[in-house]
Amino acid sequence: MNPLLDRNRRLVIGHRGACARAPENTMPSFELAVQLGVDALELDVHLSADGQVVVIHDETLDRTCDRRGPVLGRTAAELATMDAGYRFPSGRWSGRGVHVPRLAEVLDAWPDMPLLVEIKTGAVQDALAQLLTEMHATERTVVASMRHDAMGRFRGPPFVAGASGRDVQRLYLARLVGRPRRVPYRLLSVPWRYRGLEVPTRRFIRDAARVDAAVSVWTVDDPALAQRLWARGANGIVTNDPGPLVKARHANGKS
């Protein structure tokens, strides 16, 4: 079983790698997260101008790279020349060859690592589905999106779907609108808080279990809060800084 779906596990999931310590969604960030002992990696994908799946959160390069403009306006080869460490706060990653990677690079570098892949735009669906199939990565990958209309390709075999924002909202309001009997997803990746309200309450996690779905919570860097969420039944904690959470979990004999 993919650990991301195992409700009996207590996972540490690297948010965009280990993005508190290295540039988000880059190979050094993923490498560091793996070295720190994460059980899975979370990352974001967009489509390049030449139809390749690339790993970056925003629709534009502006916030993270040394150049500006839409990701969709550049080929994967051009994105590989961008300095994706240029704007990292410490400045120590700039000029070190950190680039915007293709998802294929990540899949190839860590062939056994479970992945939580967040779709940022519906345009990437077909290319992502083809890539995961060709690289035999469908079983170790959960594909999710806040956008309900971006998930159509992944709501059936051989893919494993996460919940959309609409799915999360419906389960959260289950006592008002009724809990669904069957759902097309196996994982709900939810924020710790939304508009001041806790999302992964004990009731929410119980309702998720009743539809055979695991719950992962983002973004949590406090080990004490992670322990409380694991105790409630959350199976995964998505964190910017995996090291302290891995140590806290090991101290309590969890895995």
C-alpha atoms as a PDB file:
ATOM      1  CA  MET A   1       0.000   0.000   0.000  1.00  0.00           C
ATOM      2  CA  ASN A   2       1.099   3.548  -0.700  1.00  0.00           C
ATOM      3  CA  PRO A   3       1.998   4.915   2.782  1.00  0.00           C
ATOM      4  CA  LEU A   4       0.080   8.118   1.992  1.00  0.00           C
ATOM      5  CA  LEU A   5      -3.131   6.038   2.099  1.00  0.00           C
ATOM      6  CA  ASP A   6      -2.339   3.993   5.209  1.00  0.00           C
ATOM      7  CA  ARG A   7      -4.387   5.446   8.061  1.00  0.00           C
ATOM      8  CA  ASN A   8      -2.288   3.541  10.597  1.00  0.00           C
ATOM      9  CA  ARG A   9       0.927   5.309   9.604  1.00  0.00           C
ATOM     10  CA  ARG A  10       2.229   8.581  11.021  1.00  0.00           C
ATOM     11  CA  LEU A  11       4.079  10.216   8.163  1.00  0.00           C
ATOM     12  CA  VAL A  12       6.341  13.236   7.776  1.00  0.00           C
ATOM     13  CA  ILE A  13       5.836  14.701   4.287  1.00  0.00           C
ATOM     14  CA  GLY A  14       8.312  17.229   2.913  1.00  0.00           C
ATOM     15  CA  HIS A  15       6.454  20.346   1.712  1.00  0.00           C
ATOM     16  CA  ARG A  16       8.045  21.255  -1.616  1.00  0.00           C
ATOM     17  CA  GLY A  17      10.959  19.269  -0.226  1.00  0.00           C
ATOM     18  CA  ALA A  18      12.502  20.906   2.814  1.00  0.00           C
ATOM     19  CA  CYS A  19      11.654  24.433   1.763  1.00  0.00           C
ATOM     20  CA  ALA A  20      12.544  26.058   5.080  1.00  0.00           C
ATOM     21  CA  ARG A  21      16.163  25.142   4.355  1.00  0.00           C
ATOM     22  CA  ALA A  22      16.497  25.005   0.555  1.00  0.00           C
ATOM     23  CA  PRO A  23      14.708  26.560  -2.437  1.00  0.00           C
ATOM     24  CA  GLU A  24      11.211  25.102  -2.745  1.00  0.00           C
ATOM     25  CA  ASN A  25      10.384  22.504  -5.392  1.00  0.00           C
ATOM     26  CA  THR A  26      14.011  22.028  -6.419  1.00  0.00           C
ATOM     27  CA  MET A  27      16.281  19.007  -6.487  1.00  0.00           C
ATOM     28  CA  PRO A  28      18.409  20.227  -3.521  1.00  0.00           C
ATOM     29  CA  SER A  29      15.232  20.738  -1.478  1.00  0.00           C
ATOM     30  CA  PHE A  30      13.991  17.236  -2.237  1.00  0.00           C
ATOM     31  CA  GLU A  31      17.432  15.757  -1.571  1.00  0.00           C
ATOM     32  CA  LEU A  32      17.623  17.457   1.809  1.00  0.00           C
ATOM     33  CA  ALA A  33      14.124  16.275   2.748  1.00  0.00           C
ATOM     34  CA  VAL A  34      15.082  12.695   1.891  1.00  0.00           C
ATOM     35  CA  GLN A  35      18.267  12.984   3.941  1.00  0.00           C
ATOM     36  CA  LEU A  36      16.217  14.238   6.901  1.00  0.00           C
ATOM     37  CA  GLY A  37      14.077  11.114   6.757  1.00  0.00           C
ATOM     38  CA  VAL A  38      10.754  12.092   5.178  1.00  0.00           C
ATOM     39  CA  ASP A  39       8.296   9.364   4.253  1.00  0.00           C
ATOM     40  CA  ALA A  40       6.975  11.199   1.189  1.00  0.00           C
ATOM     41  CA  LEU A  41       7.473  14.363  -0.839  1.00  0.00           C
ATOM     42  CA  GLU A  42       4.850  16.980  -1.686  1.00  0.00           C
ATOM     43  CA  LEU A  43       5.348  19.082  -4.815  1.00  0.00           C
ATOM     44  CA  ASP A  44       3.496  21.261  -7.324  1.00  0.00           C
ATOM     45  CA  VAL A  45       3.334  20.925 -11.093  1.00  0.00           C
ATOM     46  CA  HIS A  46       2.696  23.103 -14.126  1.00  0.00           C
ATOM     47  CA  LEU A  47       3.021  22.620 -17.857  1.00  0.00           C
ATOM     48  CA  SER A  48       5.935  24.050 -19.853  1.00  0.00           C
ATOM     49  CA  ALA A  49       5.640  25.573 -23.320  1.00  0.00           C
ATOM     50  CA  ASP A  50       6.768  22.297 -24.905  1.00  0.00           C
ATOM     51  CA  GLY A  51       4.243  20.199 -22.979  1.00  0.00           C
ATOM     52  CA  GLN A  52       6.471  18.826 -20.224  1.00  0.00           C
ATOM     53  CA  VAL A  53       5.490  18.558 -16.568  1.00  0.00           C
ATOM     54  CA  VAL A  54       7.662  20.887 -14.499  1.00  0.00           C
ATOM     55  CA  VAL A  55       7.883  21.309 -10.737  1.00  0.00           C
ATOM     56  CA  ILE A  56       7.041  24.820  -9.554  1.00  0.00           C
ATOM     57  CA  HIS A  57       4.281  26.288  -7.409  1.00  0.00           C
ATOM     58  CA  ASP A  58       3.388  29.582  -9.080  1.00  0.00           C
ATOM     59  CA  GLU A  59       2.105  30.261 -12.584  1.00  0.00           C
ATOM     60  CA  THR A  60       4.966  32.703 -13.025  1.00  0.00           C
ATOM     61  CA  LEU A  61       8.698  32.661 -12.325  1.00  0.00           C
ATOM     62  CA  ASP A  62       8.634  35.987 -10.531  1.00  0.00           C
ATOM     63  CA  ARG A  63       8.625  34.911  -6.859  1.00  0.00           C
ATOM     64  CA  THR A  64      11.315  32.222  -6.952  1.00  0.00           C
ATOM     65  CA  CYS A  65      13.569  32.667  -9.995  1.00  0.00           C
ATOM     66  CA  ASP A  66      15.978  35.184 -11.475  1.00  0.00           C
ATOM     67  CA  ARG A  67      13.670  35.831 -14.418  1.00  0.00           C
ATOM     68  CA  ARG A  68      10.032  36.762 -14.785  1.00  0.00           C
ATOM     69  CA  GLY A  69       7.035  35.738 -16.826  1.00  0.00           C
ATOM     70  CA  PRO A  70       4.668  32.776 -17.109  1.00  0.00           C
ATOM     71  CA  VAL A  71       5.956  29.228 -16.696  1.00  0.00           C
ATOM     72  CA  LEU A  72       3.830  28.217 -19.679  1.00  0.00           C
ATOM     73  CA  GLY A  73       5.789  30.638 -21.817  1.00  0.00           C
ATOM     74  CA  ARG A  74       9.089  28.753 -21.396  1.00  0.00           C
ATOM     75  CA  THR A  75      10.244  25.324 -22.552  1.00  0.00           C
ATOM     76  CA  ALA A  76      11.513  22.800 -20.026  1.00  0.00           C
ATOM     77  CA  ALA A  77      15.034  23.341 -21.375  1.00  0.00           C
ATOM     78  CA  GLU A  78      14.720  27.088 -20.792  1.00  0.00           C
ATOM     79  CA  LEU A  79      13.360  26.520 -17.278  1.00  0.00           C
ATOM     80  CA  ALA A  80      16.388  24.351 -16.553  1.00  0.00           C
ATOM     81  CA  THR A  81      18.567  27.445 -17.076  1.00  0.00           C
ATOM     82  CA  MET A  82      16.634  29.555 -14.563  1.00  0.00           C
ATOM     83  CA  ASP A  83      18.222  30.246 -11.175  1.00  0.00           C
ATOM     84  CA  ALA A  84      15.530  28.839  -8.894  1.00  0.00           C
ATOM     85  CA  GLY A  85      17.626  29.635  -5.828  1.00  0.00           C
ATOM     86  CA  TYR A  86      17.926  33.319  -6.714  1.00  0.00           C
ATOM     87  CA  ARG A  87      15.322  34.612  -4.277  1.00  0.00           C
ATOM     88  CA  PHE A  88      15.850  32.188  -1.399  1.00  0.00           C
ATOM     89  CA  PRO A  89      16.069  34.372   1.736  1.00  0.00           C
ATOM     90  CA  SER A  90      19.610  33.551   2.870  1.00  0.00           C
ATOM     91  CA  GLY A  91      21.057  34.231  -0.589  1.00  0.00           C
ATOM     92  CA  ARG A  92      23.356  31.220  -0.283  1.00  0.00           C
ATOM     93  CA  TRP A  93      21.592  29.220  -2.997  1.00  0.00           C
ATOM     94  CA  SER A  94      21.870  31.808  -5.773  1.00  0.00           C
ATOM     95  CA  GLY A  95      24.301  30.988  -8.537  1.00  0.00           C
ATOM     96  CA  ARG A  96      24.641  27.328  -7.548  1.00  0.00           C
ATOM     97  CA  GLY A  97      22.882  25.823 -10.526  1.00  0.00           C
ATOM     98  CA  VAL A  98      19.538  25.267  -8.803  1.00  0.00           C
ATOM     99  CA  HIS A  99      16.935  25.052 -11.557  1.00  0.00           C
ATOM    100  CA  VAL A 100      13.232  24.437 -12.184  1.00  0.00           C
ATOM    101  CA  PRO A 101      13.156  20.623 -12.559  1.00  0.00           C
ATOM    102  CA  ARG A 102      10.998  18.392 -14.687  1.00  0.00           C
ATOM    103  CA  LEU A 103       8.857  15.971 -12.714  1.00  0.00           C
ATOM    104  CA  ALA A 104      10.585  13.156 -14.591  1.00  0.00           C
ATOM    105  CA  GLU A 105      13.854  14.154 -12.878  1.00  0.00           C
ATOM    106  CA  VAL A 106      12.281  13.789  -9.449  1.00  0.00           C
ATOM    107  CA  LEU A 107      10.642  10.469 -10.287  1.00  0.00           C
ATOM    108  CA  ASP A 108      13.925   9.141 -11.632  1.00  0.00           C
ATOM    109  CA  ALA A 109      16.046  10.394  -8.715  1.00  0.00           C
ATOM    110  CA  TRP A 110      13.896   8.777  -6.016  1.00  0.00           C
ATOM    111  CA  PRO A 111      12.175   5.800  -7.655  1.00  0.00           C
ATOM    112  CA  ASP A 112      10.724   4.424  -4.415  1.00  0.00           C
ATOM    113  CA  MET A 113       9.608   7.672  -2.765  1.00  0.00           C
ATOM    114  CA  PRO A 114       5.829   8.266  -2.444  1.00  0.00           C
ATOM    115  CA  LEU A 115       4.731  11.591  -3.918  1.00  0.00           C
ATOM    116  CA  LEU A 116       1.821  13.911  -3.236  1.00  0.00           C
ATOM    117  CA  VAL A 117       1.500  15.875  -6.484  1.00  0.00           C
ATOM    118  CA  GLU A 118      -0.532  19.073  -6.438  1.00  0.00           C
ATOM    119  CA  ILE A 119      -1.949  20.143  -9.807  1.00  0.00           C
ATOM    120  CA  LYS A 120      -1.969  23.924 -10.103  1.00  0.00           C
ATOM    121  CA  THR A 121      -3.709  24.108 -13.492  1.00  0.00           C
ATOM    122  CA  GLY A 122      -5.994  21.781 -15.410  1.00  0.00           C
ATOM    123  CA  ALA A 123      -3.807  22.143 -18.513  1.00  0.00           C
ATOM    124  CA  VAL A 124      -1.257  19.738 -17.043  1.00  0.00           C
ATOM    125  CA  GLN A 125      -3.639  16.770 -16.638  1.00  0.00           C
ATOM    126  CA  ASP A 126      -2.940  14.857 -19.845  1.00  0.00           C
ATOM    127  CA  ALA A 127       0.821  15.269 -19.729  1.00  0.00           C
ATOM    128  CA  LEU A 128       0.931  14.289 -16.055  1.00  0.00           C
ATOM    129  CA  ALA A 129      -1.221  11.201 -16.604  1.00  0.00           C
ATOM    130  CA  GLN A 130       1.010  10.085 -19.481  1.00  0.00           C
ATOM    131  CA  LEU A 131       4.218  10.679 -17.520  1.00  0.00           C
ATOM    132  CA  LEU A 132       3.092   8.791 -14.413  1.00  0.00           C
ATOM    133  CA  THR A 133       1.983   5.882 -16.561  1.00  0.00           C
ATOM    134  CA  GLU A 134       5.154   5.751 -18.653  1.00  0.00           C
ATOM    135  CA  MET A 135       7.383   5.938 -15.557  1.00  0.00           C
ATOM    136  CA  HIS A 136       5.328   3.311 -13.677  1.00  0.00           C
ATOM    137  CA  ALA A 137       4.702   5.814 -10.881  1.00  0.00           C
ATOM    138  CA  THR A 138       0.906   5.654 -10.587  1.00  0.00           C
ATOM    139  CA  GLU A 139       0.877   3.460  -7.460  1.00  0.00           C
ATOM    140  CA  ARG A 140       3.278   5.594  -5.439  1.00  0.00           C
ATOM    141  CA  THR A 141       1.709   8.912  -6.411  1.00  0.00           C
ATOM    142  CA  VAL A 142      -1.400  10.643  -5.111  1.00  0.00           C
ATOM    143  CA  VAL A 143      -2.610  13.426  -7.406  1.00  0.00           C
ATOM    144  CA  ALA A 144      -4.613  16.228  -5.804  1.00  0.00           C
ATOM    145  CA  SER A 145      -5.779  19.753  -6.570  1.00  0.00           C
ATOM    146  CA  MET A 146      -7.822  22.451  -4.920  1.00  0.00           C
ATOM    147  CA  ARG A 147      -9.465  22.834  -8.334  1.00  0.00           C
ATOM    148  CA  HIS A 148     -12.227  20.273  -8.824  1.00  0.00           C
ATOM    149  CA  ASP A 149     -12.116  20.676 -12.610  1.00  0.00           C
ATOM    150  CA  ALA A 150      -8.421  19.753 -12.710  1.00  0.00           C
ATOM    151  CA  MET A 151      -8.931  16.225 -11.386  1.00  0.00           C
ATOM    152  CA  GLY A 152     -10.975  14.538 -14.118  1.00  0.00           C
ATOM    153  CA  ARG A 153      -8.143  12.358 -15.472  1.00  0.00           C
ATOM    154  CA  PHE A 154      -7.228  10.986 -12.058  1.00  0.00           C
ATOM    155  CA  ARG A 155     -10.518   9.855 -10.505  1.00  0.00           C
ATOM    156  CA  GLY A 156     -10.162   6.245 -11.568  1.00  0.00           C
ATOM    157  CA  PRO A 157      -7.585   3.465 -12.085  1.00  0.00           C
ATOM    158  CA  PRO A 158      -4.690   3.317 -12.502  1.00  0.00           C
ATOM    159  CA  PHE A 159      -4.422   6.655 -10.695  1.00  0.00           C
ATOM    160  CA  VAL A 160      -4.910   7.473  -7.020  1.00  0.00           C
ATOM    161  CA  ALA A 161      -6.768  10.732  -6.478  1.00  0.00           C
ATOM    162  CA  GLY A 162      -6.694  13.145  -3.609  1.00  0.00           C
ATOM    163  CA  ALA A 163      -9.672  15.302  -2.714  1.00  0.00           C
ATOM    164  CA  SER A 164     -10.354  18.618  -4.414  1.00  0.00           C
ATOM    165  CA  GLY A 165     -11.235  21.743  -2.466  1.00  0.00           C
ATOM    166  CA  ARG A 166     -14.912  21.049  -3.142  1.00  0.00           C
ATOM    167  CA  ASP A 167     -14.547  17.502  -1.802  1.00  0.00           C
ATOM    168  CA  VAL A 168     -12.911  18.766   1.391  1.00  0.00           C
ATOM    169  CA  GLN A 169     -15.652  21.326   1.921  1.00  0.00           C
ATOM    170  CA  ARG A 170     -18.394  18.739   1.504  1.00  0.00           C
ATOM    171  CA  LEU A 171     -16.840  16.359   4.033  1.00  0.00           C
ATOM    172  CA  TYR A 172     -16.232  19.208   6.475  1.00  0.00           C
ATOM    173  CA  LEU A 173     -19.938  20.114   6.243  1.00  0.00           C
ATOM    174  CA  ALA A 174     -21.045  16.464   6.309  1.00  0.00           C
ATOM    175  CA  ARG A 175     -23.370  16.904   9.259  1.00  0.00           C
ATOM    176  CA  LEU A 176     -25.232  19.614   7.370  1.00  0.00           C
ATOM    177  CA  VAL A 177     -25.258  18.262   3.819  1.00  0.00           C
ATOM    178  CA  GLY A 178     -24.810  14.549   4.537  1.00  0.00           C
ATOM    179  CA  ARG A 179     -21.665  12.466   4.372  1.00  0.00           C
ATOM    180  CA  PRO A 180     -21.106  10.928   0.940  1.00  0.00           C
ATOM    181  CA  ARG A 181     -21.346   7.137   0.812  1.00  0.00           C
ATOM    182  CA  ARG A 182     -18.741   6.718  -1.905  1.00  0.00           C
ATOM    183  CA  VAL A 183     -15.987   9.087  -2.933  1.00  0.00           C
ATOM    184  CA  PRO A 184     -13.497   9.139  -5.850  1.00  0.00           C
ATOM    185  CA  TYR A 185     -10.539  10.060  -3.617  1.00  0.00           C
ATOM    186  CA  ARG A 186      -8.352   8.238  -1.085  1.00  0.00           C
ATOM    187  CA  LEU A 187      -6.629  11.169   0.611  1.00  0.00           C
ATOM    188  CA  LEU A 188      -7.700  14.553   1.938  1.00  0.00           C
ATOM    189  CA  SER A 189      -4.812  17.004   2.131  1.00  0.00           C
ATOM    190  CA  VAL A 190      -6.107  19.894   4.224  1.00  0.00           C
ATOM    191  CA  PRO A 191      -4.811  23.039   5.931  1.00  0.00           C
ATOM    192  CA  TRP A 192      -4.427  23.098   9.687  1.00  0.00           C
ATOM    193  CA  ARG A 193      -6.658  26.170   9.783  1.00  0.00           C
ATOM    194  CA  TYR A 194      -8.866  27.892   7.245  1.00  0.00           C
ATOM    195  CA  ARG A 195     -10.328  31.319   7.954  1.00  0.00           C
ATOM    196  CA  GLY A 196      -9.654  30.843  11.644  1.00  0.00           C
ATOM    197  CA  LEU A 197     -11.308  27.419  11.903  1.00  0.00           C
ATOM    198  CA  GLU A 198      -9.540  24.124  12.487  1.00  0.00           C
ATOM    199  CA  VAL A 199     -10.081  21.792   9.541  1.00  0.00           C
ATOM    200  CA  PRO A 200      -8.711  18.393  10.704  1.00  0.00           C
ATOM    201  CA  THR A 201     -10.972  18.034  13.733  1.00  0.00           C
ATOM    202  CA  ARG A 202     -11.511  14.616  15.290  1.00  0.00           C
ATOM    203  CA  ARG A 203     -14.948  14.478  13.646  1.00  0.00           C
ATOM    204  CA  PHE A 204     -13.521  15.364  10.236  1.00  0.00           C
ATOM    205  CA  ILE A 205     -10.871  12.648  10.502  1.00  0.00           C
ATOM    206  CA  ARG A 206     -13.489  10.110  11.634  1.00  0.00           C
ATOM    207  CA  ASP A 207     -15.720  11.055   8.697  1.00  0.00           C
ATOM    208  CA  ALA A 208     -12.748  10.623   6.362  1.00  0.00           C
ATOM    209  CA  ALA A 209     -12.074   7.146   7.761  1.00  0.00           C
ATOM    210  CA  ARG A 210     -15.712   6.190   7.131  1.00  0.00           C
ATOM    211  CA  VAL A 211     -15.212   6.843   3.413  1.00  0.00           C
ATOM    212  CA  ASP A 212     -11.832   5.047   3.498  1.00  0.00           C
ATOM    213  CA  ALA A 213      -9.750   8.182   3.091  1.00  0.00           C
ATOM    214  CA  ALA A 214      -6.590   9.224   4.930  1.00  0.00           C
ATOM    215  CA  VAL A 215      -5.969  12.792   6.115  1.00  0.00           C
ATOM    216  CA  SER A 216      -2.749  14.783   5.728  1.00  0.00           C
ATOM    217  CA  VAL A 217      -2.403  18.258   7.227  1.00  0.00           C
ATOM    218  CA  TRP A 218      -0.444  21.250   5.933  1.00  0.00           C
ATOM    219  CA  THR A 219       1.642  23.176   6.704  1.00  0.00           C
ATOM    220  CA  VAL A 220       2.856  22.248  10.205  1.00  0.00           C
ATOM    221  CA  ASP A 221       6.364  22.953  11.494  1.00  0.00           C
ATOM    222  CA  ASP A 222       5.650  22.678  15.242  1.00  0.00           C
ATOM    223  CA  PRO A 223       6.446  19.148  16.529  1.00  0.00           C
ATOM    224  CA  ALA A 224       3.983  19.473  19.420  1.00  0.00           C
ATOM    225  CA  LEU A 225       1.131  20.345  17.044  1.00  0.00           C
ATOM    226  CA  ALA A 226       2.150  17.482  14.750  1.00  0.00           C
ATOM    227  CA  GLN A 227       1.940  15.091  17.704  1.00  0.00           C
ATOM    228  CA  ARG A 228      -1.576  16.295  18.524  1.00  0.00           C
ATOM    229  CA  LEU A 229      -2.710  15.853  14.933  1.00  0.00           C
ATOM    230  CA  TRP A 230      -1.228  12.364  14.718  1.00  0.00           C
ATOM    231  CA  ALA A 231      -3.009  11.512  17.968  1.00  0.00           C
ATOM    232  CA  ARG A 232      -6.306  12.602  16.383  1.00  0.00           C
ATOM    233  CA  GLY A 233      -5.751  10.155  13.559  1.00  0.00           C
ATOM    234  CA  ALA A 234      -4.148  12.274  10.852  1.00  0.00           C
ATOM    235  CA  ASN A 235      -1.787  10.004   8.954  1.00  0.00           C
ATOM    236  CA  GLY A 236       0.479  12.658   7.421  1.00  0.00           C
ATOM    237  CA  ILE A 237       1.966  16.001   8.380  1.00  0.00           C
ATOM    238  CA  VAL A 238       3.170  18.198   5.529  1.00  0.00           C
ATOM    239  CA  THR A 239       6.025  20.344   6.808  1.00  0.00           C
ATOM    240  CA  ASN A 240       8.525  22.923   5.571  1.00  0.00           C
ATOM    241  CA  ASP A 241      11.131  21.685   8.069  1.00  0.00           C
ATOM    242  CA  PRO A 242      11.056  17.883   8.323  1.00  0.00           C
ATOM    243  CA  GLY A 243      13.977  17.357  10.712  1.00  0.00           C
ATOM    244  CA  PRO A 244      12.298  18.339  14.009  1.00  0.00           C
ATOM    245  CA  LEU A 245       9.121  16.386  13.178  1.00  0.00           C
ATOM    246  CA  VAL A 246      11.074  13.249  12.278  1.00  0.00           C
ATOM    247  CA  LYS A 247      12.941  13.480  15.600  1.00  0.00           C
ATOM    248  CA  ALA A 248       9.737  14.064  17.572  1.00  0.00           C
ATOM    249  CA  ARG A 249       8.045  11.086  15.962  1.00  0.00           C
ATOM    250  CA  HIS A 250      11.000   8.806  16.613  1.00  0.00           C
ATOM    251  CA  ALA A 251      11.130   9.942  20.246  1.00  0.00           C
ATOM    252  CA  ASN A 252       7.589   8.627  20.661  1.00  0.00           C
ATOM    253  CA  GLY A 253       8.159   5.424  18.717  1.00  0.00           C
ATOM    254  CA  LYS A 254       5.773   6.326  15.882  1.00  0.00           C
ATOM    255  CA  SER A 255       6.200   5.517  12.210  1.00  0.00           C
END
